[in-house]
Amino acid sequence: MLEPQISTFNVCDFLHKRYIEGNPEAEAYCIEERERVLLGGDLYRLREQAGWTHEQLAARVGATAMEIERLEDADYEEIPLSLFRKIADVLKARLEIRLRPVEYDEP
């Protein structure tokens, strides 16, 4: 019995090429969203590793639990860098802010 041949492709690559690539506004939006999602995920993992609730971390950095939740959900526009520094300090983490050439593409 022959197995059916199934053609697969990377849907993300397809969507990127079709709707984002070559559109500077869409590319900028995707970069910004990616940065927020990665930072939110890092914050979530570090808070969970510390065994703290949103409320506990918020109390330690002088924020509200809702602010911490929004950071983890990448649902924010502008958060002061000083808050990220406080969070990094209490979680014993290093805050890294880098500028890279546009051509640079992290894996």
PDB file of N, CA and C in Angstrom:
ATOM      1  N   MET A   1       0.845  -1.181   0.000  1.00  0.00           N
ATOM      2  CA  MET A   1       0.000   0.000   0.000  1.00  0.00           C
ATOM      3  C   MET A   1       0.889   1.243   0.000  1.00  0.00           C
ATOM      4  N   LEU A   2       0.592   2.157  -0.897  1.00  0.00           N
ATOM      5  CA  LEU A   2       1.363   3.396  -0.990  1.00  0.00           C
ATOM      6  C   LEU A   2       0.804   4.445  -0.045  1.00  0.00           C
ATOM      7  N   GLU A   3       1.705   5.128   0.630  1.00  0.00           N
ATOM      8  CA  GLU A   3       1.288   6.228   1.508  1.00  0.00           C
ATOM      9  C   GLU A   3       1.049   7.463   0.649  1.00  0.00           C
ATOM     10  N   PRO A   4       0.030   8.244   0.980  1.00  0.00           N
ATOM     11  CA  PRO A   4      -0.213   9.457   0.186  1.00  0.00           C
ATOM     12  C   PRO A   4       0.928  10.456   0.374  1.00  0.00           C
ATOM     13  N   GLN A   5       1.259  11.132  -0.689  1.00  0.00           N
ATOM     14  CA  GLN A   5       2.279  12.179  -0.633  1.00  0.00           C
ATOM     15  C   GLN A   5       1.603  13.471  -0.172  1.00  0.00           C
ATOM     16  N   ILE A   6       2.061  13.978   0.949  1.00  0.00           N
ATOM     17  CA  ILE A   6       1.488  15.212   1.486  1.00  0.00           C
ATOM     18  C   ILE A   6       2.534  16.307   1.392  1.00  0.00           C
ATOM     19  N   SER A   7       2.187  17.352   0.717  1.00  0.00           N
ATOM     20  CA  SER A   7       3.082  18.487   0.588  1.00  0.00           C
ATOM     21  C   SER A   7       2.849  19.437   1.759  1.00  0.00           C
ATOM     22  N   THR A   8       3.915  19.752   2.450  1.00  0.00           N
ATOM     23  CA  THR A   8       3.789  20.692   3.558  1.00  0.00           C
ATOM     24  C   THR A   8       4.659  21.903   3.290  1.00  0.00           C
ATOM     25  N   PHE A   9       4.307  22.993   3.881  1.00  0.00           N
ATOM     26  CA  PHE A   9       5.106  24.207   3.775  1.00  0.00           C
ATOM     27  C   PHE A   9       4.896  25.001   5.059  1.00  0.00           C
ATOM     28  N   ASN A  10       5.767  25.923   5.281  1.00  0.00           N
ATOM     29  CA  ASN A  10       5.696  26.733   6.485  1.00  0.00           C
ATOM     30  C   ASN A  10       4.664  27.845   6.281  1.00  0.00           C
ATOM     31  N   VAL A  11       3.569  27.740   6.970  1.00  0.00           N
ATOM     32  CA  VAL A  11       2.479  28.700   6.824  1.00  0.00           C
ATOM     33  C   VAL A  11       2.928  30.105   7.206  1.00  0.00           C
ATOM     34  N   CYS A  12       3.736  30.202   8.253  1.00  0.00           N
ATOM     35  CA  CYS A  12       4.212  31.528   8.675  1.00  0.00           C
ATOM     36  C   CYS A  12       5.033  32.188   7.575  1.00  0.00           C
ATOM     37  N   ASP A  13       5.904  31.408   6.934  1.00  0.00           N
ATOM     38  CA  ASP A  13       6.702  31.961   5.829  1.00  0.00           C
ATOM     39  C   ASP A  13       5.793  32.418   4.687  1.00  0.00           C
ATOM     40  N   PHE A  14       4.816  31.603   4.376  1.00  0.00           N
ATOM     41  CA  PHE A  14       3.882  31.947   3.305  1.00  0.00           C
ATOM     42  C   PHE A  14       3.147  33.252   3.611  1.00  0.00           C
ATOM     43  N   LEU A  15       2.607  33.353   4.825  1.00  0.00           N
ATOM     44  CA  LEU A  15       1.863  34.556   5.203  1.00  0.00           C
ATOM     45  C   LEU A  15       2.769  35.779   5.234  1.00  0.00           C
ATOM     46  N   HIS A  16       3.982  35.584   5.723  1.00  0.00           N
ATOM     47  CA  HIS A  16       4.929  36.700   5.770  1.00  0.00           C
ATOM     48  C   HIS A  16       5.231  37.205   4.361  1.00  0.00           C
ATOM     49  N   LYS A  17       5.532  36.301   3.463  1.00  0.00           N
ATOM     50  CA  LYS A  17       5.835  36.699   2.085  1.00  0.00           C
ATOM     51  C   LYS A  17       4.627  37.345   1.402  1.00  0.00           C
ATOM     52  N   ARG A  18       3.461  36.843   1.695  1.00  0.00           N
ATOM     53  CA  ARG A  18       2.260  37.331   1.016  1.00  0.00           C
ATOM     54  C   ARG A  18       1.763  38.678   1.541  1.00  0.00           C
ATOM     55  N   TYR A  19       1.809  38.865   2.879  1.00  0.00           N
ATOM     56  CA  TYR A  19       1.163  40.041   3.458  1.00  0.00           C
ATOM     57  C   TYR A  19       2.100  41.039   4.126  1.00  0.00           C
ATOM     58  N   ILE A  20       3.318  40.634   4.449  1.00  0.00           N
ATOM     59  CA  ILE A  20       4.178  41.502   5.244  1.00  0.00           C
ATOM     60  C   ILE A  20       5.414  41.961   4.484  1.00  0.00           C
ATOM     61  N   GLU A  21       6.100  41.025   3.865  1.00  0.00           N
ATOM     62  CA  GLU A  21       7.349  41.342   3.176  1.00  0.00           C
ATOM     63  C   GLU A  21       7.131  42.442   2.141  1.00  0.00           C
ATOM     64  N   GLY A  22       7.982  43.435   2.207  1.00  0.00           N
ATOM     65  CA  GLY A  22       7.878  44.544   1.263  1.00  0.00           C
ATOM     66  C   GLY A  22       6.919  45.630   1.700  1.00  0.00           C
ATOM     67  N   ASN A  23       6.255  45.438   2.819  1.00  0.00           N
ATOM     68  CA  ASN A  23       5.338  46.445   3.358  1.00  0.00           C
ATOM     69  C   ASN A  23       5.978  47.002   4.627  1.00  0.00           C
ATOM     70  N   PRO A  24       6.648  48.144   4.547  1.00  0.00           N
ATOM     71  CA  PRO A  24       7.393  48.672   5.698  1.00  0.00           C
ATOM     72  C   PRO A  24       6.539  48.842   6.957  1.00  0.00           C
ATOM     73  N   GLU A  25       5.311  49.268   6.792  1.00  0.00           N
ATOM     74  CA  GLU A  25       4.436  49.456   7.951  1.00  0.00           C
ATOM     75  C   GLU A  25       4.124  48.119   8.622  1.00  0.00           C
ATOM     76  N   ALA A  26       3.809  47.115   7.832  1.00  0.00           N
ATOM     77  CA  ALA A  26       3.504  45.792   8.375  1.00  0.00           C
ATOM     78  C   ALA A  26       4.745  45.163   8.992  1.00  0.00           C
ATOM     79  N   GLU A  27       5.907  45.353   8.362  1.00  0.00           N
ATOM     80  CA  GLU A  27       7.152  44.807   8.907  1.00  0.00           C
ATOM     81  C   GLU A  27       7.475  45.437  10.262  1.00  0.00           C
ATOM     82  N   ALA A  28       7.328  46.747  10.368  1.00  0.00           N
ATOM     83  CA  ALA A  28       7.599  47.436  11.635  1.00  0.00           C
ATOM     84  C   ALA A  28       6.652  46.952  12.724  1.00  0.00           C
ATOM     85  N   TYR A  29       5.380  46.777  12.371  1.00  0.00           N
ATOM     86  CA  TYR A  29       4.394  46.293  13.333  1.00  0.00           C
ATOM     87  C   TYR A  29       4.764  44.892  13.826  1.00  0.00           C
ATOM     88  N   CYS A  30       5.159  44.017  12.922  1.00  0.00           N
ATOM     89  CA  CYS A  30       5.521  42.642  13.304  1.00  0.00           C
ATOM     90  C   CYS A  30       6.736  42.620  14.218  1.00  0.00           C
ATOM     91  N   ILE A  31       7.716  43.442  13.925  1.00  0.00           N
ATOM     92  CA  ILE A  31       8.912  43.507  14.768  1.00  0.00           C
ATOM     93  C   ILE A  31       8.540  43.964  16.170  1.00  0.00           C
ATOM     94  N   GLU A  32       7.733  44.998  16.258  1.00  0.00           N
ATOM     95  CA  GLU A  32       7.317  45.518  17.565  1.00  0.00           C
ATOM     96  C   GLU A  32       6.524  44.483  18.348  1.00  0.00           C
ATOM     97  N   GLU A  33       5.606  43.809  17.688  1.00  0.00           N
ATOM     98  CA  GLU A  33       4.805  42.780  18.365  1.00  0.00           C
ATOM     99  C   GLU A  33       5.669  41.617  18.823  1.00  0.00           C
ATOM    100  N   ARG A  34       6.607  41.217  17.991  1.00  0.00           N
ATOM    101  CA  ARG A  34       7.505  40.112  18.351  1.00  0.00           C
ATOM    102  C   ARG A  34       8.309  40.463  19.600  1.00  0.00           C
ATOM    103  N   GLU A  35       8.826  41.683  19.651  1.00  0.00           N
ATOM    104  CA  GLU A  35       9.600  42.112  20.814  1.00  0.00           C
ATOM    105  C   GLU A  35       8.747  42.068  22.077  1.00  0.00           C
ATOM    106  N   ARG A  36       7.516  42.555  21.975  1.00  0.00           N
ATOM    107  CA  ARG A  36       6.638  42.554  23.146  1.00  0.00           C
ATOM    108  C   ARG A  36       6.305  41.143  23.604  1.00  0.00           C
ATOM    109  N   VAL A  37       6.022  40.265  22.655  1.00  0.00           N
ATOM    110  CA  VAL A  37       5.673  38.881  22.997  1.00  0.00           C
ATOM    111  C   VAL A  37       6.861  38.182  23.660  1.00  0.00           C
ATOM    112  N   LEU A  38       8.052  38.371  23.114  1.00  0.00           N
ATOM    113  CA  LEU A  38       9.235  37.736  23.701  1.00  0.00           C
ATOM    114  C   LEU A  38       9.505  38.267  25.107  1.00  0.00           C
ATOM    115  N   LEU A  39       9.394  39.570  25.289  1.00  0.00           N
ATOM    116  CA  LEU A  39       9.619  40.154  26.609  1.00  0.00           C
ATOM    117  C   LEU A  39       8.551  39.680  27.599  1.00  0.00           C
ATOM    118  N   GLY A  40       7.308  39.637  27.160  1.00  0.00           N
ATOM    119  CA  GLY A  40       6.230  39.158  28.026  1.00  0.00           C
ATOM    120  C   GLY A  40       6.430  37.711  28.435  1.00  0.00           C
ATOM    121  N   GLY A  41       6.874  36.887  27.502  1.00  0.00           N
ATOM    122  CA  GLY A  41       7.141  35.479  27.807  1.00  0.00           C
ATOM    123  C   GLY A  41       8.281  35.326  28.794  1.00  0.00           C
ATOM    124  N   ASP A  42       9.331  36.128  28.613  1.00  0.00           N
ATOM    125  CA  ASP A  42      10.455  36.094  29.554  1.00  0.00           C
ATOM    126  C   ASP A  42       9.987  36.478  30.952  1.00  0.00           C
ATOM    127  N   LEU A  43       9.198  37.540  31.043  1.00  0.00           N
ATOM    128  CA  LEU A  43       8.696  38.000  32.332  1.00  0.00           C
ATOM    129  C   LEU A  43       7.847  36.917  32.989  1.00  0.00           C
ATOM    130  N   TYR A  44       6.954  36.313  32.221  1.00  0.00           N
ATOM    131  CA  TYR A  44       6.101  35.252  32.759  1.00  0.00           C
ATOM    132  C   TYR A  44       6.944  34.109  33.326  1.00  0.00           C
ATOM    133  N   ARG A  45       7.918  33.625  32.531  1.00  0.00           N
ATOM    134  CA  ARG A  45       8.747  32.498  32.981  1.00  0.00           C
ATOM    135  C   ARG A  45       9.528  32.830  34.249  1.00  0.00           C
ATOM    136  N   LEU A  46      10.118  34.015  34.305  1.00  0.00           N
ATOM    137  CA  LEU A  46      10.906  34.389  35.484  1.00  0.00           C
ATOM    138  C   LEU A  46      10.021  34.550  36.719  1.00  0.00           C
ATOM    139  N   ARG A  47       8.838  35.142  36.532  1.00  0.00           N
ATOM    140  CA  ARG A  47       7.921  35.299  37.670  1.00  0.00           C
ATOM    141  C   ARG A  47       7.472  33.940  38.176  1.00  0.00           C
ATOM    142  N   GLU A  48       7.140  33.044  37.260  1.00  0.00           N
ATOM    143  CA  GLU A  48       6.714  31.697  37.645  1.00  0.00           C
ATOM    144  C   GLU A  48       7.843  30.941  38.343  1.00  0.00           C
ATOM    145  N   GLN A  49       9.074  31.068  37.838  1.00  0.00           N
ATOM    146  CA  GLN A  49      10.218  30.411  38.468  1.00  0.00           C
ATOM    147  C   GLN A  49      10.433  30.920  39.889  1.00  0.00           C
ATOM    148  N   ALA A  50      10.149  32.202  40.096  1.00  0.00           N
ATOM    149  CA  ALA A  50      10.280  32.780  41.438  1.00  0.00           C
ATOM    150  C   ALA A  50       9.139  32.329  42.339  1.00  0.00           C
ATOM    151  N   GLY A  51       8.068  31.796  41.749  1.00  0.00           N
ATOM    152  CA  GLY A  51       6.919  31.342  42.523  1.00  0.00           C
ATOM    153  C   GLY A  51       6.033  32.483  43.004  1.00  0.00           C
ATOM    154  N   TRP A  52       6.056  33.599  42.277  1.00  0.00           N
ATOM    155  CA  TRP A  52       5.286  34.775  42.678  1.00  0.00           C
ATOM    156  C   TRP A  52       4.032  34.946  41.829  1.00  0.00           C
ATOM    157  N   THR A  53       3.020  35.502  42.441  1.00  0.00           N
ATOM    158  CA  THR A  53       1.808  35.887  41.725  1.00  0.00           C
ATOM    159  C   THR A  53       2.049  37.260  41.104  1.00  0.00           C
ATOM    160  N   HIS A  54       1.105  37.677  40.266  1.00  0.00           N
ATOM    161  CA  HIS A  54       1.190  39.032  39.711  1.00  0.00           C
ATOM    162  C   HIS A  54       1.209  40.061  40.841  1.00  0.00           C
ATOM    163  N   GLU A  55       0.384  39.820  41.841  1.00  0.00           N
ATOM    164  CA  GLU A  55       0.280  40.750  42.962  1.00  0.00           C
ATOM    165  C   GLU A  55       1.595  40.838  43.746  1.00  0.00           C
ATOM    166  N   GLN A  56       2.236  39.698  43.948  1.00  0.00           N
ATOM    167  CA  GLN A  56       3.484  39.694  44.708  1.00  0.00           C
ATOM    168  C   GLN A  56       4.594  40.429  43.967  1.00  0.00           C
ATOM    169  N   LEU A  57       4.715  40.186  42.673  1.00  0.00           N
ATOM    170  CA  LEU A  57       5.734  40.897  41.901  1.00  0.00           C
ATOM    171  C   LEU A  57       5.413  42.384  41.849  1.00  0.00           C
ATOM    172  N   ALA A  58       4.163  42.709  41.635  1.00  0.00           N
ATOM    173  CA  ALA A  58       3.759  44.116  41.570  1.00  0.00           C
ATOM    174  C   ALA A  58       4.106  44.851  42.856  1.00  0.00           C
ATOM    175  N   ALA A  59       3.845  44.235  43.988  1.00  0.00           N
ATOM    176  CA  ALA A  59       4.153  44.869  45.280  1.00  0.00           C
ATOM    177  C   ALA A  59       5.655  45.125  45.418  1.00  0.00           C
ATOM    178  N   ARG A  60       6.468  44.230  44.898  1.00  0.00           N
ATOM    179  CA  ARG A  60       7.925  44.368  45.009  1.00  0.00           C
ATOM    180  C   ARG A  60       8.486  45.467  44.109  1.00  0.00           C
ATOM    181  N   VAL A  61       7.792  45.771  43.008  1.00  0.00           N
ATOM    182  CA  VAL A  61       8.312  46.781  42.076  1.00  0.00           C
ATOM    183  C   VAL A  61       7.516  48.079  42.083  1.00  0.00           C
ATOM    184  N   GLY A  62       6.497  48.170  42.921  1.00  0.00           N
ATOM    185  CA  GLY A  62       5.709  49.398  42.994  1.00  0.00           C
ATOM    186  C   GLY A  62       4.781  49.582  41.810  1.00  0.00           C
ATOM    187  N   ALA A  63       4.202  48.481  41.344  1.00  0.00           N
ATOM    188  CA  ALA A  63       3.265  48.531  40.217  1.00  0.00           C
ATOM    189  C   ALA A  63       1.964  47.875  40.656  1.00  0.00           C
ATOM    190  N   THR A  64       1.034  47.779  39.738  1.00  0.00           N
ATOM    191  CA  THR A  64      -0.207  47.066  40.022  1.00  0.00           C
ATOM    192  C   THR A  64      -0.135  45.682  39.383  1.00  0.00           C
ATOM    193  N   ALA A  65      -0.921  44.774  39.902  1.00  0.00           N
ATOM    194  CA  ALA A  65      -0.977  43.429  39.330  1.00  0.00           C
ATOM    195  C   ALA A  65      -1.428  43.500  37.871  1.00  0.00           C
ATOM    196  N   MET A  66      -2.330  44.419  37.570  1.00  0.00           N
ATOM    197  CA  MET A  66      -2.819  44.583  36.200  1.00  0.00           C
ATOM    198  C   MET A  66      -1.678  45.000  35.263  1.00  0.00           C
ATOM    199  N   GLU A  67      -0.773  45.846  35.721  1.00  0.00           N
ATOM    200  CA  GLU A  67       0.370  46.237  34.887  1.00  0.00           C
ATOM    201  C   GLU A  67       1.252  45.029  34.574  1.00  0.00           C
ATOM    202  N   ILE A  68       1.488  44.193  35.581  1.00  0.00           N
ATOM    203  CA  ILE A  68       2.315  43.007  35.378  1.00  0.00           C
ATOM    204  C   ILE A  68       1.622  42.058  34.402  1.00  0.00           C
ATOM    205  N   GLU A  69       0.328  41.854  34.570  1.00  0.00           N
ATOM    206  CA  GLU A  69      -0.429  40.996  33.651  1.00  0.00           C
ATOM    207  C   GLU A  69      -0.358  41.522  32.229  1.00  0.00           C
ATOM    208  N   ARG A  70      -0.508  42.831  32.064  1.00  0.00           N
ATOM    209  CA  ARG A  70      -0.461  43.431  30.727  1.00  0.00           C
ATOM    210  C   ARG A  70       0.910  43.261  30.089  1.00  0.00           C
ATOM    211  N   LEU A  71       1.962  43.373  30.906  1.00  0.00           N
ATOM    212  CA  LEU A  71       3.310  43.167  30.373  1.00  0.00           C
ATOM    213  C   LEU A  71       3.475  41.733  29.881  1.00  0.00           C
ATOM    214  N   GLU A  72       2.998  40.777  30.656  1.00  0.00           N
ATOM    215  CA  GLU A  72       3.109  39.368  30.274  1.00  0.00           C
ATOM    216  C   GLU A  72       2.282  39.057  29.032  1.00  0.00           C
ATOM    217  N   ASP A  73       1.157  39.717  28.871  1.00  0.00           N
ATOM    218  CA  ASP A  73       0.279  39.494  27.719  1.00  0.00           C
ATOM    219  C   ASP A  73       0.693  40.322  26.502  1.00  0.00           C
ATOM    220  N   ALA A  74       1.773  41.107  26.653  1.00  0.00           N
ATOM    221  CA  ALA A  74       2.234  41.999  25.580  1.00  0.00           C
ATOM    222  C   ALA A  74       1.140  42.977  25.184  1.00  0.00           C
ATOM    223  N   ASP A  75       0.329  43.356  26.147  1.00  0.00           N
ATOM    224  CA  ASP A  75      -0.805  44.250  25.904  1.00  0.00           C
ATOM    225  C   ASP A  75      -0.501  45.631  26.489  1.00  0.00           C
ATOM    226  N   TYR A  76       0.495  46.279  25.926  1.00  0.00           N
ATOM    227  CA  TYR A  76       0.866  47.596  26.412  1.00  0.00           C
ATOM    228  C   TYR A  76       1.454  48.399  25.272  1.00  0.00           C
ATOM    229  N   GLU A  77       1.403  49.672  25.397  1.00  0.00           N
ATOM    230  CA  GLU A  77       2.015  50.556  24.406  1.00  0.00           C
ATOM    231  C   GLU A  77       3.317  51.115  24.956  1.00  0.00           C
ATOM    232  N   GLU A  78       3.238  51.765  26.081  1.00  0.00           N
ATOM    233  CA  GLU A  78       4.436  52.369  26.647  1.00  0.00           C
ATOM    234  C   GLU A  78       4.510  52.057  28.130  1.00  0.00           C
ATOM    235  N   ILE A  79       5.590  51.447  28.525  1.00  0.00           N
ATOM    236  CA  ILE A  79       5.865  51.170  29.929  1.00  0.00           C
ATOM    237  C   ILE A  79       7.227  51.774  30.204  1.00  0.00           C
ATOM    238  N   PRO A  80       7.353  52.533  31.282  1.00  0.00           N
ATOM    239  CA  PRO A  80       8.652  53.152  31.564  1.00  0.00           C
ATOM    240  C   PRO A  80       9.768  52.121  31.704  1.00  0.00           C
ATOM    241  N   LEU A  81      10.905  52.436  31.129  1.00  0.00           N
ATOM    242  CA  LEU A  81      12.073  51.569  31.230  1.00  0.00           C
ATOM    243  C   LEU A  81      12.440  51.331  32.690  1.00  0.00           C
ATOM    244  N   SER A  82      12.165  52.306  33.529  1.00  0.00           N
ATOM    245  CA  SER A  82      12.473  52.160  34.962  1.00  0.00           C
ATOM    246  C   SER A  82      11.695  50.990  35.575  1.00  0.00           C
ATOM    247  N   LEU A  83      10.473  50.721  35.106  1.00  0.00           N
ATOM    248  CA  LEU A  83       9.700  49.592  35.622  1.00  0.00           C
ATOM    249  C   LEU A  83      10.349  48.270  35.202  1.00  0.00           C
ATOM    250  N   PHE A  84      10.795  48.181  33.951  1.00  0.00           N
ATOM    251  CA  PHE A  84      11.489  46.972  33.514  1.00  0.00           C
ATOM    252  C   PHE A  84      12.768  46.757  34.327  1.00  0.00           C
ATOM    253  N   ARG A  85      13.461  47.849  34.644  1.00  0.00           N
ATOM    254  CA  ARG A  85      14.685  47.719  35.449  1.00  0.00           C
ATOM    255  C   ARG A  85      14.369  47.194  36.845  1.00  0.00           C
ATOM    256  N   LYS A  86      13.303  47.696  37.444  1.00  0.00           N
ATOM    257  CA  LYS A  86      12.905  47.227  38.775  1.00  0.00           C
ATOM    258  C   LYS A  86      12.526  45.745  38.730  1.00  0.00           C
ATOM    259  N   ILE A  87      11.774  45.367  37.713  1.00  0.00           N
ATOM    260  CA  ILE A  87      11.356  43.967  37.565  1.00  0.00           C
ATOM    261  C   ILE A  87      12.586  43.081  37.418  1.00  0.00           C
ATOM    262  N   ALA A  88      13.503  43.484  36.561  1.00  0.00           N
ATOM    263  CA  ALA A  88      14.730  42.702  36.363  1.00  0.00           C
ATOM    264  C   ALA A  88      15.496  42.581  37.677  1.00  0.00           C
ATOM    265  N   ASP A  89      15.563  43.655  38.429  1.00  0.00           N
ATOM    266  CA  ASP A  89      16.300  43.651  39.694  1.00  0.00           C
ATOM    267  C   ASP A  89      15.686  42.672  40.695  1.00  0.00           C
ATOM    268  N   VAL A  90      14.378  42.733  40.896  1.00  0.00           N
ATOM    269  CA  VAL A  90      13.765  41.860  41.897  1.00  0.00           C
ATOM    270  C   VAL A  90      13.724  40.398  41.443  1.00  0.00           C
ATOM    271  N   LEU A  91      13.715  40.164  40.134  1.00  0.00           N
ATOM    272  CA  LEU A  91      13.732  38.793  39.631  1.00  0.00           C
ATOM    273  C   LEU A  91      15.156  38.280  39.422  1.00  0.00           C
ATOM    274  N   LYS A  92      16.126  39.116  39.788  1.00  0.00           N
ATOM    275  CA  LYS A  92      17.542  38.764  39.620  1.00  0.00           C
ATOM    276  C   LYS A  92      17.822  38.348  38.174  1.00  0.00           C
ATOM    277  N   ALA A  93      17.382  39.228  37.271  1.00  0.00           N
ATOM    278  CA  ALA A  93      17.551  39.001  35.839  1.00  0.00           C
ATOM    279  C   ALA A  93      18.309  40.186  35.245  1.00  0.00           C
ATOM    280  N   ARG A  94      18.797  39.975  34.057  1.00  0.00           N
ATOM    281  CA  ARG A  94      19.502  41.043  33.342  1.00  0.00           C
ATOM    282  C   ARG A  94      18.570  41.576  32.259  1.00  0.00           C
ATOM    283  N   LEU A  95      18.379  42.872  32.251  1.00  0.00           N
ATOM    284  CA  LEU A  95      17.582  43.519  31.211  1.00  0.00           C
ATOM    285  C   LEU A  95      18.525  43.894  30.079  1.00  0.00           C
ATOM    286  N   GLU A  96      18.263  43.385  28.896  1.00  0.00           N
ATOM    287  CA  GLU A  96      19.104  43.688  27.745  1.00  0.00           C
ATOM    288  C   GLU A  96      18.295  44.480  26.728  1.00  0.00           C
ATOM    289  N   ILE A  97      18.836  45.609  26.353  1.00  0.00           N
ATOM    290  CA  ILE A  97      18.221  46.431  25.314  1.00  0.00           C
ATOM    291  C   ILE A  97      19.292  46.599  24.246  1.00  0.00           C
ATOM    292  N   ARG A  98      18.953  46.189  23.024  1.00  0.00           N
ATOM    293  CA  ARG A  98      19.943  46.225  21.965  1.00  0.00           C
ATOM    294  C   ARG A  98      19.369  46.887  20.721  1.00  0.00           C
ATOM    295  N   LEU A  99      20.236  47.516  19.986  1.00  0.00           N
ATOM    296  CA  LEU A  99      19.888  48.021  18.665  1.00  0.00           C
ATOM    297  C   LEU A  99      20.656  47.180  17.662  1.00  0.00           C
ATOM    298  N   ARG A 100      19.953  46.645  16.706  1.00  0.00           N
ATOM    299  CA  ARG A 100      20.564  45.807  15.685  1.00  0.00           C
ATOM    300  C   ARG A 100      20.242  46.372  14.315  1.00  0.00           C
ATOM    301  N   PRO A 101      21.122  46.152  13.356  1.00  0.00           N
ATOM    302  CA  PRO A 101      20.783  46.585  11.995  1.00  0.00           C
ATOM    303  C   PRO A 101      19.537  45.844  11.520  1.00  0.00           C
ATOM    304  N   VAL A 102      18.798  46.466  10.664  1.00  0.00           N
ATOM    305  CA  VAL A 102      17.559  45.883  10.170  1.00  0.00           C
ATOM    306  C   VAL A 102      17.813  44.518   9.538  1.00  0.00           C
ATOM    307  N   GLU A 103      18.962  44.343   8.901  1.00  0.00           N
ATOM    308  CA  GLU A 103      19.263  43.071   8.236  1.00  0.00           C
ATOM    309  C   GLU A 103      19.439  41.934   9.221  1.00  0.00           C
ATOM    310  N   TYR A 104      19.703  42.249  10.499  1.00  0.00           N
ATOM    311  CA  TYR A 104      19.953  41.216  11.500  1.00  0.00           C
ATOM    312  C   TYR A 104      18.668  40.465  11.756  1.00  0.00           C
ATOM    313  N   ASP A 105      18.726  39.140  11.704  1.00  0.00           N
ATOM    314  CA  ASP A 105      17.539  38.323  11.928  1.00  0.00           C
ATOM    315  C   ASP A 105      17.885  37.243  12.929  1.00  0.00           C
ATOM    316  N   GLU A 106      17.331  37.362  14.124  1.00  0.00           N
ATOM    317  CA  GLU A 106      17.595  36.362  15.166  1.00  0.00           C
ATOM    318  C   GLU A 106      16.858  35.073  14.840  1.00  0.00           C
ATOM    319  N   PRO A 107      17.434  33.947  15.234  1.00  0.00           N
ATOM    320  CA  PRO A 107      16.742  32.664  15.012  1.00  0.00           C
ATOM    321  C   PRO A 107      15.521  32.538  15.887  1.00  0.00           C
TER     322      PRO A 107
END
